[in-house]
N, C-alpha and C. Protein backbone atom coordinates (compact mmCIF):
# COMPACT_ATOMS: atom_id res chain seq x y z
N UNK A 1 1.37 -22.02 11.15
CA UNK A 1 2.37 -21.35 10.36
C UNK A 1 1.58 -20.94 9.08
N UNK A 2 1.61 -19.41 8.72
CA UNK A 2 0.87 -19.15 7.60
C UNK A 2 1.80 -19.60 6.24
N UNK A 3 0.96 -19.72 5.28
CA UNK A 3 1.46 -20.40 3.88
C UNK A 3 2.30 -19.35 3.36
N UNK A 4 1.78 -17.87 3.20
CA UNK A 4 2.72 -16.79 2.75
C UNK A 4 2.67 -15.51 3.43
N UNK A 5 3.62 -15.17 3.63
CA UNK A 5 3.56 -13.75 4.58
C UNK A 5 4.21 -12.57 3.82
N UNK A 6 3.88 -11.39 4.33
CA UNK A 6 4.79 -10.29 3.78
C UNK A 6 4.85 -9.45 5.13
N UNK A 7 6.13 -8.82 5.36
CA UNK A 7 6.57 -8.08 6.68
C UNK A 7 7.06 -6.82 6.15
N UNK A 8 6.87 -5.71 6.56
CA UNK A 8 7.53 -4.59 6.33
C UNK A 8 9.16 -4.54 6.94
N UNK A 9 9.82 -3.40 6.40
CA UNK A 9 10.87 -3.49 6.90
C UNK A 9 11.04 -3.02 8.54
N UNK A 10 9.98 -2.30 8.97
CA UNK A 10 9.94 -2.06 10.28
C UNK A 10 9.47 -3.34 11.24
N UNK A 11 8.77 -4.18 10.28
CA UNK A 11 8.51 -5.47 11.21
C UNK A 11 9.76 -6.41 11.35
N UNK A 12 10.74 -6.48 10.29
CA UNK A 12 11.96 -7.04 10.37
C UNK A 12 13.10 -6.37 11.22
N UNK A 13 12.79 -4.93 11.09
CA UNK A 13 13.50 -4.09 12.14
C UNK A 13 13.34 -4.85 13.71
N UNK A 14 12.09 -5.12 13.95
CA UNK A 14 11.47 -5.47 15.42
C UNK A 14 11.77 -6.94 15.70
N UNK A 15 11.75 -7.70 14.66
CA UNK A 15 12.05 -9.14 14.89
C UNK A 15 13.05 -9.71 14.26
N UNK A 16 13.79 -9.01 13.39
CA UNK A 16 14.73 -9.87 12.94
C UNK A 16 14.55 -10.82 11.93
N UNK A 17 15.43 -11.71 11.51
CA UNK A 17 15.09 -12.74 10.25
C UNK A 17 14.90 -14.16 10.99
N UNK A 18 15.11 -14.33 12.42
CA UNK A 18 14.92 -15.80 13.03
C UNK A 18 13.30 -16.09 13.44
N UNK A 19 13.01 -17.17 13.05
CA UNK A 19 11.72 -17.36 13.26
C UNK A 19 11.56 -18.48 14.63
N UNK A 20 10.85 -18.62 15.54
CA UNK A 20 9.37 -18.05 15.22
C UNK A 20 9.41 -16.66 15.87
N UNK A 21 8.38 -15.86 14.96
CA UNK A 21 8.42 -14.34 15.36
C UNK A 21 7.56 -14.42 16.60
N UNK A 22 7.84 -13.10 17.40
CA UNK A 22 6.89 -12.76 18.47
C UNK A 22 5.57 -12.38 17.89
N UNK A 23 5.47 -12.03 16.79
CA UNK A 23 4.26 -11.14 16.36
C UNK A 23 4.10 -11.61 14.93
N UNK A 24 2.87 -11.64 14.42
CA UNK A 24 2.54 -11.79 12.82
C UNK A 24 3.19 -10.79 12.08
N UNK A 25 3.41 -11.03 10.73
CA UNK A 25 4.05 -10.07 9.88
C UNK A 25 2.40 -9.32 9.74
N UNK A 26 2.53 -8.09 8.91
CA UNK A 26 1.52 -7.43 8.59
C UNK A 26 0.47 -8.07 7.77
N UNK A 27 0.93 -8.88 6.94
CA UNK A 27 0.21 -9.75 5.81
C UNK A 27 0.32 -11.29 6.07
N UNK A 28 -0.78 -11.86 6.18
CA UNK A 28 -0.81 -13.60 6.21
C UNK A 28 -1.61 -13.83 5.26
N UNK A 29 -1.10 -14.95 4.36
CA UNK A 29 -2.07 -15.43 3.35
C UNK A 29 -2.25 -16.82 3.72
N UNK A 30 -3.51 -17.48 3.80
CA UNK A 30 -3.55 -18.95 4.11
C UNK A 30 -3.95 -19.51 2.53
N UNK A 31 -3.51 -20.36 2.29
CA UNK A 31 -4.27 -21.20 1.04
C UNK A 31 -4.99 -22.35 1.38
N UNK A 32 -6.13 -22.52 1.04
CA UNK A 32 -7.05 -23.49 1.39
C UNK A 32 -6.66 -24.72 0.93
N UNK A 33 -6.83 -25.94 1.58
CA UNK A 33 -6.44 -27.17 0.87
C UNK A 33 -7.70 -28.13 1.33
N UNK A 34 -8.02 -29.13 0.35
CA UNK A 34 -9.07 -29.85 0.57
C UNK A 34 -9.30 -30.53 1.82
N UNK A 35 -8.15 -30.66 2.73
CA UNK A 35 -8.40 -31.20 4.28
C UNK A 35 -8.49 -30.12 5.10
N UNK A 36 -8.52 -28.86 4.86
CA UNK A 36 -8.73 -27.92 5.67
C UNK A 36 -10.35 -27.56 6.06
N UNK A 37 -10.83 -27.69 7.11
CA UNK A 37 -12.19 -27.50 7.39
C UNK A 37 -12.26 -25.78 7.90
N UNK A 38 -13.70 -25.56 7.60
CA UNK A 38 -14.02 -24.17 7.71
C UNK A 38 -13.81 -23.53 9.06
N UNK A 39 -13.78 -24.19 10.32
CA UNK A 39 -13.32 -23.92 11.53
C UNK A 39 -11.95 -24.05 11.70
N UNK A 40 -10.81 -24.63 10.80
CA UNK A 40 -9.60 -24.54 10.93
C UNK A 40 -9.10 -23.28 10.44
N UNK A 41 -9.75 -22.77 9.22
CA UNK A 41 -9.34 -21.66 8.56
C UNK A 41 -9.62 -20.25 9.53
N UNK A 42 -11.04 -20.60 9.85
CA UNK A 42 -11.40 -19.20 11.17
C UNK A 42 -10.45 -19.13 12.24
N UNK A 43 -10.11 -20.39 12.64
CA UNK A 43 -8.87 -20.12 13.61
C UNK A 43 -7.65 -19.74 13.30
N UNK A 44 -7.17 -20.08 12.21
CA UNK A 44 -6.07 -19.75 11.69
C UNK A 44 -6.14 -17.87 11.59
N UNK A 45 -7.21 -17.46 10.93
CA UNK A 45 -7.50 -16.03 10.57
C UNK A 45 -7.48 -15.31 11.91
N UNK A 46 -8.27 -16.01 12.87
CA UNK A 46 -8.03 -15.18 14.14
C UNK A 46 -6.97 -14.99 14.94
N UNK A 47 -6.01 -16.28 14.81
CA UNK A 47 -4.85 -16.16 15.31
C UNK A 47 -3.83 -15.40 14.67
N UNK A 48 -3.78 -15.18 13.16
CA UNK A 48 -2.82 -14.19 12.88
C UNK A 48 -3.44 -12.86 13.18
N UNK A 49 -4.60 -12.49 13.17
CA UNK A 49 -5.06 -11.00 13.30
C UNK A 49 -4.58 -10.86 14.88
N UNK A 50 -5.02 -11.71 15.70
CA UNK A 50 -4.70 -11.65 17.22
C UNK A 50 -3.23 -11.35 17.71
N UNK A 51 -2.22 -11.97 16.67
CA UNK A 51 -0.78 -11.77 16.88
C UNK A 51 -0.54 -10.47 16.20
N UNK A 52 -1.17 -9.76 15.47
CA UNK A 52 -0.71 -8.26 14.97
C UNK A 52 -0.93 -8.36 13.62
N UNK A 53 -1.20 -9.28 12.74
CA UNK A 53 -1.22 -8.99 11.09
C UNK A 53 -2.41 -8.16 11.20
N UNK A 54 -2.19 -7.32 10.03
CA UNK A 54 -3.08 -6.44 9.79
C UNK A 54 -4.04 -6.68 8.75
N UNK A 55 -3.88 -7.64 7.89
CA UNK A 55 -4.81 -8.35 7.04
C UNK A 55 -4.30 -9.76 6.90
N UNK A 56 -5.34 -10.57 6.72
CA UNK A 56 -5.15 -11.92 6.42
C UNK A 56 -5.97 -12.16 5.14
N UNK A 57 -5.27 -12.71 4.23
CA UNK A 57 -5.94 -13.25 2.80
C UNK A 57 -6.07 -14.49 2.98
N UNK A 58 -7.18 -15.18 2.47
CA UNK A 58 -7.51 -16.75 2.35
C UNK A 58 -7.96 -16.91 0.97
N UNK A 59 -7.10 -17.77 0.05
CA UNK A 59 -7.21 -18.13 -1.27
C UNK A 59 -7.84 -19.66 -1.40
N UNK A 60 -9.12 -19.66 -1.77
CA UNK A 60 -9.76 -20.86 -1.95
C UNK A 60 -9.23 -21.78 -3.16
N UNK A 61 -10.01 -22.99 -3.47
CA UNK A 61 -9.52 -23.77 -4.16
C UNK A 61 -9.44 -23.47 -5.64
N UNK A 62 -10.66 -22.55 -5.77
CA UNK A 62 -10.94 -21.84 -7.01
C UNK A 62 -10.06 -20.74 -7.48
N UNK A 63 -9.30 -20.25 -6.39
CA UNK A 63 -8.41 -18.84 -6.92
C UNK A 63 -9.05 -17.67 -6.32
N UNK A 64 -10.29 -18.00 -5.73
CA UNK A 64 -10.94 -16.60 -5.26
C UNK A 64 -10.17 -16.54 -3.83
N UNK A 65 -9.95 -14.98 -3.75
CA UNK A 65 -9.55 -14.34 -2.57
C UNK A 65 -10.65 -13.74 -1.80
N UNK A 66 -10.49 -14.04 -0.19
CA UNK A 66 -11.16 -13.42 0.83
C UNK A 66 -10.23 -12.26 1.46
N UNK A 67 -10.70 -11.24 2.09
CA UNK A 67 -9.44 -10.43 3.02
C UNK A 67 -10.26 -10.07 3.93
N UNK A 68 -9.55 -10.08 5.00
CA UNK A 68 -9.98 -9.95 6.74
C UNK A 68 -9.01 -9.10 7.12
N UNK A 69 -9.71 -8.22 8.02
CA UNK A 69 -8.91 -7.38 9.05
C UNK A 69 -9.38 -7.50 10.54
N UNK A 70 -8.96 -7.03 11.65
CA UNK A 70 -9.07 -7.15 12.79
C UNK A 70 -10.75 -7.04 13.31
N UNK A 71 -11.22 -6.10 12.14
CA UNK A 71 -12.63 -5.49 12.42
C UNK A 71 -13.79 -6.52 11.74
N UNK A 72 -13.39 -7.03 10.74
CA UNK A 72 -14.42 -8.02 9.67
C UNK A 72 -13.71 -8.07 8.46
N UNK A 73 -14.51 -8.96 7.56
CA UNK A 73 -14.14 -9.21 6.15
C UNK A 73 -14.24 -7.77 5.50
N UNK A 74 -13.40 -7.63 4.45
CA UNK A 74 -13.32 -6.69 3.67
C UNK A 74 -13.36 -6.88 2.29
N UNK A 75 -13.88 -6.00 1.33
CA UNK A 75 -13.92 -6.30 -0.15
C UNK A 75 -12.63 -6.49 -0.79
N UNK A 76 -11.74 -5.65 -0.45
CA UNK A 76 -10.47 -5.53 -1.06
C UNK A 76 -9.35 -5.09 -0.38
N UNK A 77 -8.17 -5.61 -0.41
CA UNK A 77 -7.21 -5.56 0.44
C UNK A 77 -6.83 -3.94 0.61
N UNK A 78 -6.42 -3.79 1.59
CA UNK A 78 -6.21 -2.09 2.04
C UNK A 78 -4.63 -1.97 1.95
N UNK A 79 -3.83 -2.96 2.09
CA UNK A 79 -2.36 -2.67 2.17
C UNK A 79 -1.99 -2.96 0.66
N UNK A 80 -2.70 -3.62 -0.10
CA UNK A 80 -2.20 -3.72 -1.63
C UNK A 80 -3.35 -3.55 -2.31
N UNK A 81 -3.95 -2.38 -2.56
CA UNK A 81 -5.31 -2.35 -3.22
C UNK A 81 -5.36 -2.88 -4.80
N UNK A 82 -4.20 -3.13 -5.53
CA UNK A 82 -4.37 -3.32 -6.72
C UNK A 82 -4.27 -4.94 -6.78
N UNK A 83 -4.48 -5.75 -5.59
CA UNK A 83 -4.39 -7.20 -5.67
C UNK A 83 -5.94 -7.47 -6.24
N UNK A 84 -5.79 -8.57 -7.51
CA UNK A 84 -7.23 -8.90 -7.96
C UNK A 84 -8.05 -9.78 -6.67
N UNK A 85 -9.19 -9.82 -7.04
CA UNK A 85 -9.94 -10.77 -6.12
C UNK A 85 -9.79 -12.21 -6.24
N UNK A 86 -9.43 -12.43 -7.35
CA UNK A 86 -9.10 -13.73 -7.81
C UNK A 86 -7.89 -14.19 -8.26
N UNK A 87 -7.47 -15.30 -8.27
CA UNK A 87 -6.32 -15.73 -9.28
C UNK A 87 -6.46 -16.76 -10.05
N UNK A 88 -6.65 -16.37 -11.64
CA UNK A 88 -6.90 -17.43 -12.49
C UNK A 88 -5.98 -18.29 -12.66
N UNK A 89 -6.39 -19.70 -12.50
CA UNK A 89 -5.51 -21.05 -12.87
C UNK A 89 -5.76 -21.37 -14.12
N UNK A 90 -4.57 -21.69 -14.83
CA UNK A 90 -4.52 -21.93 -16.12
C UNK A 90 -4.06 -23.71 -16.48
């Protein structure tokens, strides 16, 4: 299960509000914890994308964001182009 997700009105019209969903929401965000291995994160990225996510964001322990689509990693979100590449912690 993804840590954070965003689904459009169309997504919820198709899937309703009851989980588990038959498909992944358009955006799935995974927040890396110290116990997560690189392999676990890669598996989650591939799972979300294979289930229909248009983008997967991975936030590391330093607040840096990485963005992925079914084709490859991308420099910035295409769904939300104004999202910064990192989230400053205070």
